[in-house]
Amino acid sequence: MSEHHIASFIVRCRRKYLSAIVSDIQHMQGAEIHEQDPMGKITVTVKGDTHTVISNIAEQVRNMAHVVDVAAVYHKYVPHSKDGKG
């Protein structure tokens, strides 16, 4: 049985570094930016095959220089059987 995870996060960063942080997140496999505001708030969706993938990406973002906070908003787990049906 395989699984699929999707999660969303609000990332807050120092606004002076918003462009650089957005660029770094956009280059992360499985991460997608949906919205950003000039005050340094970024809405990110992360997809992966395990909860560990989601956690690792969130931790990588959290450890970026000038990131102030990463807050989980949503997480969904979808198990798939071997025949590909949920």
Protein backbone atom coordinates (compact mmCIF):
# COMPACT_ATOMS: atom_id res chain seq x y z
CA MET A 1 0.00 0.00 0.00
CA SER A 2 1.29 3.47 -0.87
CA GLU A 3 0.19 6.80 0.47
CA HIS A 4 -0.01 10.43 -0.53
CA HIS A 5 0.23 13.49 1.70
CA ILE A 6 -0.62 17.10 1.06
CA ALA A 7 -0.09 19.89 3.56
CA SER A 8 -0.21 23.65 3.61
CA PHE A 9 1.84 26.08 5.63
CA ILE A 10 2.01 29.78 6.30
CA VAL A 11 5.61 30.93 6.19
CA ARG A 12 6.53 34.27 7.70
CA CYS A 13 9.83 35.87 6.83
CA ARG A 14 11.55 39.21 7.05
CA ARG A 15 10.03 41.14 4.19
CA LYS A 16 13.42 42.38 3.00
CA TYR A 17 14.25 38.76 2.07
CA LEU A 18 10.86 37.75 0.66
CA SER A 19 12.03 37.36 -2.96
CA ALA A 20 15.01 35.19 -2.03
CA ILE A 21 12.95 32.94 0.23
CA VAL A 22 10.19 32.58 -2.36
CA SER A 23 12.80 31.60 -4.94
CA ASP A 24 14.36 29.03 -2.60
CA ILE A 25 10.97 27.46 -1.81
CA GLN A 26 10.00 27.35 -5.49
CA HIS A 27 13.09 25.26 -6.19
CA MET A 28 12.15 22.64 -3.58
CA GLN A 29 10.66 19.50 -5.11
CA GLY A 30 7.09 19.03 -3.86
CA ALA A 31 6.62 22.64 -2.69
CA GLU A 32 4.37 25.16 -4.42
CA ILE A 33 3.74 28.78 -3.51
CA HIS A 34 0.16 29.95 -3.84
CA GLU A 35 0.30 33.43 -2.43
CA GLN A 36 2.65 35.95 -0.93
CA ASP A 37 2.24 39.41 0.46
CA PRO A 38 4.77 42.23 0.69
CA MET A 39 4.84 42.00 4.49
CA GLY A 40 6.57 38.61 4.29
CA LYS A 41 3.73 36.08 4.50
CA ILE A 42 3.87 33.14 2.07
CA THR A 43 1.25 30.41 1.57
CA VAL A 44 2.90 27.10 0.62
CA THR A 45 1.50 23.70 -0.33
CA VAL A 46 3.69 20.62 0.01
CA LYS A 47 3.01 17.21 -1.55
CA GLY A 48 4.82 13.97 -0.86
CA ASP A 49 4.60 10.20 -0.59
CA THR A 50 5.15 10.10 3.18
CA HIS A 51 4.64 12.34 6.18
CA THR A 52 8.43 12.38 6.52
CA VAL A 53 8.75 14.16 3.17
CA ILE A 54 6.29 16.82 4.36
CA SER A 55 8.10 17.21 7.69
CA ASN A 56 11.51 17.44 6.04
CA ILE A 57 10.41 20.19 3.65
CA ALA A 58 8.77 22.15 6.49
CA GLU A 59 11.95 21.81 8.54
CA GLN A 60 14.14 22.94 5.62
CA VAL A 61 11.99 26.05 5.22
CA ARG A 62 11.99 26.67 8.98
CA ASN A 63 15.80 26.55 8.98
CA MET A 64 16.21 29.06 6.15
CA ALA A 65 17.89 32.30 7.13
CA HIS A 66 15.37 35.12 7.70
CA VAL A 67 12.37 32.79 8.10
CA VAL A 68 10.60 33.80 11.29
CA ASP A 69 7.89 31.12 11.52
CA VAL A 70 6.38 28.15 9.69
CA ALA A 71 2.83 27.31 10.77
CA ALA A 72 1.01 24.18 9.61
CA VAL A 73 -2.51 24.94 8.41
CA TYR A 74 -3.70 21.69 6.80
CA HIS A 75 -2.56 18.10 6.33
CA LYS A 76 -4.36 15.34 4.47
CA TYR A 77 -3.29 11.71 4.21
CA VAL A 78 -4.68 9.53 1.43
CA PRO A 79 -3.82 5.81 1.52
CA HIS A 80 -3.73 4.00 -1.82
CA SER A 81 -4.06 0.27 -2.25
CA LYS A 82 -1.78 -1.64 -4.61
CA ASP A 83 -4.32 -1.33 -7.40
CA GLY A 84 -4.06 2.49 -7.16
CA LYS A 85 -7.52 3.01 -5.73
CA GLY A 86 -7.91 5.08 -2.56
